[in-house]
Amino acid sequence: SVFSYMSDTSMNIEGRIITEQVEADLLRILDELPADQKEVLVMRMYQDLSFKEIADLTGVSINTALGRMRYAILNLRKVIEKNQIILSS
């Protein structure tokens, strides 16, 4: 229909503010992780590295890299719940 061509899919100001707040909250809670957990999480989620690549770069086994990621996620969940943070836009 003609309306599909006319729709505005760009994010409105409210959406941008919410997205910025979510990103700020996420960065704040990432800083609460132990350094080794934060390192693995950042490499995996933001640099899109495989666990093999992470293990090679950090000088640990793949199982250690996987374990650090697991504990990072568990710790993030605890911080999010404790601070009642909502990470959705």
PDB file of N, CA and C in Angstrom:
ATOM      1  N   SER A   1       0.838  -1.189   0.000  1.00  0.00           N
ATOM      2  CA  SER A   1       0.000   0.000   0.000  1.00  0.00           C
ATOM      3  C   SER A   1       0.876   1.242   0.000  1.00  0.00           C
ATOM      4  N   VAL A   2       0.287   2.330  -0.332  1.00  0.00           N
ATOM      5  CA  VAL A   2       0.991   3.603  -0.376  1.00  0.00           C
ATOM      6  C   VAL A   2       1.478   4.016   1.013  1.00  0.00           C
ATOM      7  N   PHE A   3       0.782   3.577   2.058  1.00  0.00           N
ATOM      8  CA  PHE A   3       1.160   3.952   3.416  1.00  0.00           C
ATOM      9  C   PHE A   3       2.492   3.340   3.836  1.00  0.00           C
ATOM     10  N   SER A   4       2.846   2.203   3.270  1.00  0.00           N
ATOM     11  CA  SER A   4       4.143   1.616   3.604  1.00  0.00           C
ATOM     12  C   SER A   4       5.289   2.482   3.098  1.00  0.00           C
ATOM     13  N   TYR A   5       5.064   3.227   2.034  1.00  0.00           N
ATOM     14  CA  TYR A   5       6.099   4.121   1.513  1.00  0.00           C
ATOM     15  C   TYR A   5       6.145   5.436   2.283  1.00  0.00           C
ATOM     16  N   MET A   6       5.045   5.782   2.909  1.00  0.00           N
ATOM     17  CA  MET A   6       4.947   7.059   3.605  1.00  0.00           C
ATOM     18  C   MET A   6       5.326   6.957   5.077  1.00  0.00           C
ATOM     19  N   SER A   7       5.402   5.748   5.618  1.00  0.00           N
ATOM     20  CA  SER A   7       5.657   5.618   7.047  1.00  0.00           C
ATOM     21  C   SER A   7       7.065   6.094   7.383  1.00  0.00           C
ATOM     22  N   ASP A   8       7.177   6.632   8.557  1.00  0.00           N
ATOM     23  CA  ASP A   8       8.461   7.143   9.055  1.00  0.00           C
ATOM     24  C   ASP A   8       9.017   6.116  10.027  1.00  0.00           C
ATOM     25  N   THR A   9      10.065   5.407   9.608  1.00  0.00           N
ATOM     26  CA  THR A   9      10.644   4.377  10.467  1.00  0.00           C
ATOM     27  C   THR A   9      11.804   4.898  11.296  1.00  0.00           C
ATOM     28  N   SER A  10      12.123   6.170  11.159  1.00  0.00           N
ATOM     29  CA  SER A  10      13.219   6.717  11.948  1.00  0.00           C
ATOM     30  C   SER A  10      12.807   6.809  13.418  1.00  0.00           C
ATOM     31  N   MET A  11      13.790   6.722  14.289  1.00  0.00           N
ATOM     32  CA  MET A  11      13.510   6.743  15.718  1.00  0.00           C
ATOM     33  C   MET A  11      13.142   8.163  16.152  1.00  0.00           C
ATOM     34  N   ASN A  12      12.077   8.271  16.924  1.00  0.00           N
ATOM     35  CA  ASN A  12      11.689   9.577  17.435  1.00  0.00           C
ATOM     36  C   ASN A  12      12.578   9.968  18.616  1.00  0.00           C
ATOM     37  N   ILE A  13      12.402  11.165  19.094  1.00  0.00           N
ATOM     38  CA  ILE A  13      13.250  11.684  20.173  1.00  0.00           C
ATOM     39  C   ILE A  13      13.101  10.842  21.433  1.00  0.00           C
ATOM     40  N   GLU A  14      11.893  10.398  21.734  1.00  0.00           N
ATOM     41  CA  GLU A  14      11.680   9.573  22.916  1.00  0.00           C
ATOM     42  C   GLU A  14      12.448   8.249  22.791  1.00  0.00           C
ATOM     43  N   GLY A  15      12.386   7.643  21.624  1.00  0.00           N
ATOM     44  CA  GLY A  15      13.114   6.401  21.386  1.00  0.00           C
ATOM     45  C   GLY A  15      14.610   6.573  21.520  1.00  0.00           C
ATOM     46  N   ARG A  16      15.121   7.692  21.027  1.00  0.00           N
ATOM     47  CA  ARG A  16      16.562   7.964  21.145  1.00  0.00           C
ATOM     48  C   ARG A  16      16.971   8.161  22.598  1.00  0.00           C
ATOM     49  N   ILE A  17      16.163   8.866  23.361  1.00  0.00           N
ATOM     50  CA  ILE A  17      16.464   9.097  24.775  1.00  0.00           C
ATOM     51  C   ILE A  17      16.468   7.768  25.539  1.00  0.00           C
ATOM     52  N   ILE A  18      15.485   6.923  25.271  1.00  0.00           N
ATOM     53  CA  ILE A  18      15.410   5.628  25.942  1.00  0.00           C
ATOM     54  C   ILE A  18      16.615   4.771  25.575  1.00  0.00           C
ATOM     55  N   THR A  19      16.963   4.744  24.295  1.00  0.00           N
ATOM     56  CA  THR A  19      18.119   3.964  23.844  1.00  0.00           C
ATOM     57  C   THR A  19      19.398   4.458  24.505  1.00  0.00           C
ATOM     58  N   GLU A  20      19.576   5.771  24.578  1.00  0.00           N
ATOM     59  CA  GLU A  20      20.763   6.328  25.225  1.00  0.00           C
ATOM     60  C   GLU A  20      20.813   5.964  26.706  1.00  0.00           C
ATOM     61  N   GLN A  21      19.664   5.982  27.379  1.00  0.00           N
ATOM     62  CA  GLN A  21      19.615   5.636  28.795  1.00  0.00           C
ATOM     63  C   GLN A  21      19.940   4.159  29.012  1.00  0.00           C
ATOM     64  N   VAL A  22      19.390   3.306  28.145  1.00  0.00           N
ATOM     65  CA  VAL A  22      19.673   1.868  28.248  1.00  0.00           C
ATOM     66  C   VAL A  22      21.167   1.627  28.063  1.00  0.00           C
ATOM     67  N   GLU A  23      21.766   2.270  27.074  1.00  0.00           N
ATOM     68  CA  GLU A  23      23.202   2.104  26.829  1.00  0.00           C
ATOM     69  C   GLU A  23      24.025   2.618  28.008  1.00  0.00           C
ATOM     70  N   ALA A  24      23.629   3.729  28.591  1.00  0.00           N
ATOM     71  CA  ALA A  24      24.341   4.267  29.755  1.00  0.00           C
ATOM     72  C   ALA A  24      24.227   3.326  30.948  1.00  0.00           C
ATOM     73  N   ASP A  25      23.028   2.784  31.172  1.00  0.00           N
ATOM     74  CA  ASP A  25      22.831   1.829  32.266  1.00  0.00           C
ATOM     75  C   ASP A  25      23.682   0.582  32.058  1.00  0.00           C
ATOM     76  N   LEU A  26      23.721   0.095  30.832  1.00  0.00           N
ATOM     77  CA  LEU A  26      24.500  -1.098  30.537  1.00  0.00           C
ATOM     78  C   LEU A  26      25.985  -0.856  30.772  1.00  0.00           C
ATOM     79  N   LEU A  27      26.500   0.274  30.332  1.00  0.00           N
ATOM     80  CA  LEU A  27      27.913   0.591  30.562  1.00  0.00           C
ATOM     81  C   LEU A  27      28.217   0.692  32.051  1.00  0.00           C
ATOM     82  N   ARG A  28      27.285   1.262  32.810  1.00  0.00           N
ATOM     83  CA  ARG A  28      27.478   1.404  34.251  1.00  0.00           C
ATOM     84  C   ARG A  28      27.542   0.040  34.939  1.00  0.00           C
ATOM     85  N   ILE A  29      26.658  -0.865  34.557  1.00  0.00           N
ATOM     86  CA  ILE A  29      26.675  -2.161  35.222  1.00  0.00           C
ATOM     87  C   ILE A  29      27.833  -3.029  34.736  1.00  0.00           C
ATOM     88  N   LEU A  30      28.290  -2.823  33.510  1.00  0.00           N
ATOM     89  CA  LEU A  30      29.472  -3.553  33.040  1.00  0.00           C
ATOM     90  C   LEU A  30      30.686  -3.221  33.893  1.00  0.00           C
ATOM     91  N   ASP A  31      30.763  -1.984  34.359  1.00  0.00           N
ATOM     92  CA  ASP A  31      31.892  -1.569  35.195  1.00  0.00           C
ATOM     93  C   ASP A  31      31.902  -2.261  36.554  1.00  0.00           C
ATOM     94  N   GLU A  32      30.788  -2.872  36.931  1.00  0.00           N
ATOM     95  CA  GLU A  32      30.725  -3.579  38.212  1.00  0.00           C
ATOM     96  C   GLU A  32      31.237  -5.014  38.122  1.00  0.00           C
ATOM     97  N   LEU A  33      31.491  -5.477  36.915  1.00  0.00           N
ATOM     98  CA  LEU A  33      32.012  -6.836  36.742  1.00  0.00           C
ATOM     99  C   LEU A  33      33.496  -6.891  37.048  1.00  0.00           C
ATOM    100  N   PRO A  34      33.976  -8.048  37.502  1.00  0.00           N
ATOM    101  CA  PRO A  34      35.426  -8.233  37.614  1.00  0.00           C
ATOM    102  C   PRO A  34      36.063  -8.063  36.227  1.00  0.00           C
ATOM    103  N   ALA A  35      37.298  -7.610  36.191  1.00  0.00           N
ATOM    104  CA  ALA A  35      37.965  -7.270  34.930  1.00  0.00           C
ATOM    105  C   ALA A  35      38.000  -8.435  33.950  1.00  0.00           C
ATOM    106  N   ASP A  36      38.273  -9.649  34.423  1.00  0.00           N
ATOM    107  CA  ASP A  36      38.374 -10.779  33.501  1.00  0.00           C
ATOM    108  C   ASP A  36      37.023 -11.132  32.877  1.00  0.00           C
ATOM    109  N   GLN A  37      35.950 -10.978  33.637  1.00  0.00           N
ATOM    110  CA  GLN A  37      34.614 -11.238  33.109  1.00  0.00           C
ATOM    111  C   GLN A  37      34.199 -10.151  32.120  1.00  0.00           C
ATOM    112  N   LYS A  38      34.481  -8.913  32.467  1.00  0.00           N
ATOM    113  CA  LYS A  38      34.152  -7.806  31.582  1.00  0.00           C
ATOM    114  C   LYS A  38      34.906  -7.938  30.260  1.00  0.00           C
ATOM    115  N   GLU A  39      36.169  -8.319  30.338  1.00  0.00           N
ATOM    116  CA  GLU A  39      36.996  -8.465  29.137  1.00  0.00           C
ATOM    117  C   GLU A  39      36.379  -9.480  28.175  1.00  0.00           C
ATOM    118  N   VAL A  40      36.000 -10.644  28.684  1.00  0.00           N
ATOM    119  CA  VAL A  40      35.421 -11.692  27.842  1.00  0.00           C
ATOM    120  C   VAL A  40      34.079 -11.237  27.270  1.00  0.00           C
ATOM    121  N   LEU A  41      33.248 -10.636  28.098  1.00  0.00           N
ATOM    122  CA  LEU A  41      31.939 -10.191  27.637  1.00  0.00           C
ATOM    123  C   LEU A  41      32.074  -9.149  26.528  1.00  0.00           C
ATOM    124  N   VAL A  42      32.957  -8.193  26.697  1.00  0.00           N
ATOM    125  CA  VAL A  42      33.159  -7.146  25.686  1.00  0.00           C
ATOM    126  C   VAL A  42      33.694  -7.758  24.388  1.00  0.00           C
ATOM    127  N   MET A  43      34.651  -8.663  24.512  1.00  0.00           N
ATOM    128  CA  MET A  43      35.200  -9.300  23.309  1.00  0.00           C
ATOM    129  C   MET A  43      34.128 -10.086  22.556  1.00  0.00           C
ATOM    130  N   ARG A  44      33.271 -10.766  23.295  1.00  0.00           N
ATOM    131  CA  ARG A  44      32.243 -11.597  22.662  1.00  0.00           C
ATOM    132  C   ARG A  44      31.103 -10.758  22.101  1.00  0.00           C
ATOM    133  N   MET A  45      30.570  -9.848  22.903  1.00  0.00           N
ATOM    134  CA  MET A  45      29.367  -9.126  22.503  1.00  0.00           C
ATOM    135  C   MET A  45      29.638  -7.912  21.607  1.00  0.00           C
ATOM    136  N   TYR A  46      30.721  -7.203  21.860  1.00  0.00           N
ATOM    137  CA  TYR A  46      30.977  -5.973  21.121  1.00  0.00           C
ATOM    138  C   TYR A  46      31.994  -6.153  20.001  1.00  0.00           C
ATOM    139  N   GLN A  47      32.917  -7.097  20.167  1.00  0.00           N
ATOM    140  CA  GLN A  47      33.919  -7.326  19.129  1.00  0.00           C
ATOM    141  C   GLN A  47      33.591  -8.567  18.301  1.00  0.00           C
ATOM    142  N   ASP A  48      32.551  -9.294  18.689  1.00  0.00           N
ATOM    143  CA  ASP A  48      32.057 -10.461  17.968  1.00  0.00           C
ATOM    144  C   ASP A  48      33.131 -11.526  17.751  1.00  0.00           C
ATOM    145  N   LEU A  49      33.980 -11.717  18.767  1.00  0.00           N
ATOM    146  CA  LEU A  49      35.023 -12.729  18.694  1.00  0.00           C
ATOM    147  C   LEU A  49      34.481 -14.079  19.144  1.00  0.00           C
ATOM    148  N   SER A  50      35.020 -15.142  18.586  1.00  0.00           N
ATOM    149  CA  SER A  50      34.647 -16.487  19.016  1.00  0.00           C
ATOM    150  C   SER A  50      35.329 -16.774  20.352  1.00  0.00           C
ATOM    151  N   PHE A  51      34.853 -17.806  21.032  1.00  0.00           N
ATOM    152  CA  PHE A  51      35.488 -18.165  22.301  1.00  0.00           C
ATOM    153  C   PHE A  51      36.905 -18.678  22.075  1.00  0.00           C
ATOM    154  N   LYS A  52      37.149 -19.275  20.943  1.00  0.00           N
ATOM    155  CA  LYS A  52      38.517 -19.707  20.600  1.00  0.00           C
ATOM    156  C   LYS A  52      39.422 -18.484  20.475  1.00  0.00           C
ATOM    157  N   GLU A  53      38.959 -17.454  19.775  1.00  0.00           N
ATOM    158  CA  GLU A  53      39.739 -16.218  19.629  1.00  0.00           C
ATOM    159  C   GLU A  53      39.955 -15.543  20.977  1.00  0.00           C
ATOM    160  N   ILE A  54      38.921 -15.512  21.792  1.00  0.00           N
ATOM    161  CA  ILE A  54      39.026 -14.910  23.125  1.00  0.00           C
ATOM    162  C   ILE A  54      40.048 -15.665  23.960  1.00  0.00           C
ATOM    163  N   ALA A  55      39.971 -16.988  23.921  1.00  0.00           N
ATOM    164  CA  ALA A  55      40.914 -17.814  24.678  1.00  0.00           C
ATOM    165  C   ALA A  55      42.344 -17.538  24.223  1.00  0.00           C
ATOM    166  N   ASP A  56      42.556 -17.472  22.917  1.00  0.00           N
ATOM    167  CA  ASP A  56      43.898 -17.205  22.390  1.00  0.00           C
ATOM    168  C   ASP A  56      44.403 -15.823  22.809  1.00  0.00           C
ATOM    169  N   LEU A  57      43.559 -14.829  22.709  1.00  0.00           N
ATOM    170  CA  LEU A  57      43.966 -13.452  23.038  1.00  0.00           C
ATOM    171  C   LEU A  57      44.224 -13.246  24.532  1.00  0.00           C
ATOM    172  N   THR A  58      43.479 -13.959  25.363  1.00  0.00           N
ATOM    173  CA  THR A  58      43.617 -13.767  26.808  1.00  0.00           C
ATOM    174  C   THR A  58      44.559 -14.784  27.445  1.00  0.00           C
ATOM    175  N   GLY A  59      44.986 -15.774  26.655  1.00  0.00           N
ATOM    176  CA  GLY A  59      45.923 -16.763  27.174  1.00  0.00           C
ATOM    177  C   GLY A  59      45.317 -17.758  28.141  1.00  0.00           C
ATOM    178  N   VAL A  60      44.025 -18.059  27.954  1.00  0.00           N
ATOM    179  CA  VAL A  60      43.360 -19.033  28.809  1.00  0.00           C
ATOM    180  C   VAL A  60      42.739 -20.115  27.927  1.00  0.00           C
ATOM    181  N   SER A  61      42.234 -21.165  28.549  1.00  0.00           N
ATOM    182  CA  SER A  61      41.564 -22.220  27.786  1.00  0.00           C
ATOM    183  C   SER A  61      40.172 -21.743  27.348  1.00  0.00           C
ATOM    184  N   ILE A  62      39.631 -22.451  26.374  1.00  0.00           N
ATOM    185  CA  ILE A  62      38.269 -22.119  25.926  1.00  0.00           C
ATOM    186  C   ILE A  62      37.286 -22.295  27.083  1.00  0.00           C
ATOM    187  N   ASN A  63      37.470 -23.349  27.874  1.00  0.00           N
ATOM    188  CA  ASN A  63      36.570 -23.568  29.012  1.00  0.00           C
ATOM    189  C   ASN A  63      36.626 -22.424  30.009  1.00  0.00           C
ATOM    190  N   THR A  64      37.820 -21.870  30.227  1.00  0.00           N
ATOM    191  CA  THR A  64      37.939 -20.722  31.131  1.00  0.00           C
ATOM    192  C   THR A  64      37.221 -19.512  30.551  1.00  0.00           C
ATOM    193  N   ALA A  65      37.384 -19.278  29.249  1.00  0.00           N
ATOM    194  CA  ALA A  65      36.694 -18.161  28.594  1.00  0.00           C
ATOM    195  C   ALA A  65      35.181 -18.339  28.695  1.00  0.00           C
ATOM    196  N   LEU A  66      34.711 -19.550  28.456  1.00  0.00           N
ATOM    197  CA  LEU A  66      33.273 -19.829  28.579  1.00  0.00           C
ATOM    198  C   LEU A  66      32.791 -19.619  30.012  1.00  0.00           C
ATOM    199  N   GLY A  67      33.578 -20.069  30.970  1.00  0.00           N
ATOM    200  CA  GLY A  67      33.208 -19.888  32.374  1.00  0.00           C
ATOM    201  C   GLY A  67      33.135 -18.422  32.766  1.00  0.00           C
ATOM    202  N   ARG A  68      34.091 -17.642  32.280  1.00  0.00           N
ATOM    203  CA  ARG A  68      34.072 -16.201  32.591  1.00  0.00           C
ATOM    204  C   ARG A  68      32.841 -15.532  31.998  1.00  0.00           C
ATOM    205  N   MET A  69      32.465 -15.957  30.795  1.00  0.00           N
ATOM    206  CA  MET A  69      31.261 -15.396  30.163  1.00  0.00           C
ATOM    207  C   MET A  69      30.027 -15.785  30.973  1.00  0.00           C
ATOM    208  N   ARG A  70      29.973 -17.021  31.397  1.00  0.00           N
ATOM    209  CA  ARG A  70      28.837 -17.489  32.195  1.00  0.00           C
ATOM    210  C   ARG A  70      28.707 -16.683  33.480  1.00  0.00           C
ATOM    211  N   TYR A  71      29.822 -16.520  34.187  1.00  0.00           N
ATOM    212  CA  TYR A  71      29.775 -15.756  35.439  1.00  0.00           C
ATOM    213  C   TYR A  71      29.489 -14.278  35.186  1.00  0.00           C
ATOM    214  N   ALA A  72      29.958 -13.746  34.071  1.00  0.00           N
ATOM    215  CA  ALA A  72      29.655 -12.356  33.729  1.00  0.00           C
ATOM    216  C   ALA A  72      28.150 -12.171  33.567  1.00  0.00           C
ATOM    217  N   ILE A  73      27.512 -13.092  32.868  1.00  0.00           N
ATOM    218  CA  ILE A  73      26.070 -12.993  32.657  1.00  0.00           C
ATOM    219  C   ILE A  73      25.319 -13.154  33.974  1.00  0.00           C
ATOM    220  N   LEU A  74      25.730 -14.113  34.778  1.00  0.00           N
ATOM    221  CA  LEU A  74      25.089 -14.288  36.083  1.00  0.00           C
ATOM    222  C   LEU A  74      25.240 -13.040  36.945  1.00  0.00           C
ATOM    223  N   ASN A  75      26.435 -12.464  36.970  1.00  0.00           N
ATOM    224  CA  ASN A  75      26.668 -11.263  37.773  1.00  0.00           C
ATOM    225  C   ASN A  75      25.899 -10.067  37.229  1.00  0.00           C
ATOM    226  N   LEU A  76      25.793  -9.948  35.917  1.00  0.00           N
ATOM    227  CA  LEU A  76      24.999  -8.860  35.337  1.00  0.00           C
ATOM    228  C   LEU A  76      23.539  -8.989  35.752  1.00  0.00           C
ATOM    229  N   ARG A  77      23.029 -10.185  35.712  1.00  0.00           N
ATOM    230  CA  ARG A  77      21.633 -10.402  36.129  1.00  0.00           C
ATOM    231  C   ARG A  77      21.419  -9.984  37.584  1.00  0.00           C
ATOM    232  N   LYS A  78      22.374 -10.311  38.445  1.00  0.00           N
ATOM    233  CA  LYS A  78      22.266  -9.929  39.856  1.00  0.00           C
ATOM    234  C   LYS A  78      22.251  -8.410  40.017  1.00  0.00           C
ATOM    235  N   VAL A  79      23.138  -7.727  39.315  1.00  0.00           N
ATOM    236  CA  VAL A  79      23.220  -6.265  39.413  1.00  0.00           C
ATOM    237  C   VAL A  79      21.945  -5.627  38.862  1.00  0.00           C
ATOM    238  N   ILE A  80      21.460  -6.149  37.737  1.00  0.00           N
ATOM    239  CA  ILE A  80      20.239  -5.617  37.132  1.00  0.00           C
ATOM    240  C   ILE A  80      19.057  -5.791  38.086  1.00  0.00           C
ATOM    241  N   GLU A  81      18.942  -6.976  38.665  1.00  0.00           N
ATOM    242  CA  GLU A  81      17.834  -7.233  39.592  1.00  0.00           C
ATOM    243  C   GLU A  81      17.952  -6.380  40.853  1.00  0.00           C
ATOM    244  N   LYS A  82      19.174  -6.320  41.405  1.00  0.00           N
ATOM    245  CA  LYS A  82      19.387  -5.558  42.638  1.00  0.00           C
ATOM    246  C   LYS A  82      19.038  -4.079  42.460  1.00  0.00           C
ATOM    247  N   ASN A  83      19.414  -3.523  41.307  1.00  0.00           N
ATOM    248  CA  ASN A  83      19.182  -2.103  41.045  1.00  0.00           C
ATOM    249  C   ASN A  83      17.886  -1.828  40.298  1.00  0.00           C
ATOM    250  N   GLN A  84      17.122  -2.876  40.031  1.00  0.00           N
ATOM    251  CA  GLN A  84      15.831  -2.764  39.323  1.00  0.00           C
ATOM    252  C   GLN A  84      15.970  -1.979  38.023  1.00  0.00           C
ATOM    253  N   ILE A  85      16.979  -2.355  37.242  1.00  0.00           N
ATOM    254  CA  ILE A  85      17.247  -1.696  35.975  1.00  0.00           C
ATOM    255  C   ILE A  85      16.447  -2.400  34.880  1.00  0.00           C
ATOM    256  N   ILE A  86      15.831  -1.620  34.018  1.00  0.00           N
ATOM    257  CA  ILE A  86      15.084  -2.160  32.875  1.00  0.00           C
ATOM    258  C   ILE A  86      15.899  -1.849  31.631  1.00  0.00           C
ATOM    259  N   LEU A  87      16.358  -2.912  30.970  1.00  0.00           N
ATOM    260  CA  LEU A  87      17.193  -2.749  29.784  1.00  0.00           C
ATOM    261  C   LEU A  87      16.395  -3.069  28.523  1.00  0.00           C
ATOM    262  N   SER A  88      15.426  -2.232  28.221  1.00  0.00           N
ATOM    263  CA  SER A  88      14.682  -2.398  26.974  1.00  0.00           C
ATOM    264  C   SER A  88      14.349  -1.016  26.445  1.00  0.00           C
ATOM    265  N   SER A  89      14.253  -0.971  25.146  1.00  0.00           N
ATOM    266  CA  SER A  89      13.946   0.335  24.526  1.00  0.00           C
ATOM    267  C   SER A  89      12.605   0.306  23.855  1.00  0.00           C
TER     268      SER A  89
END
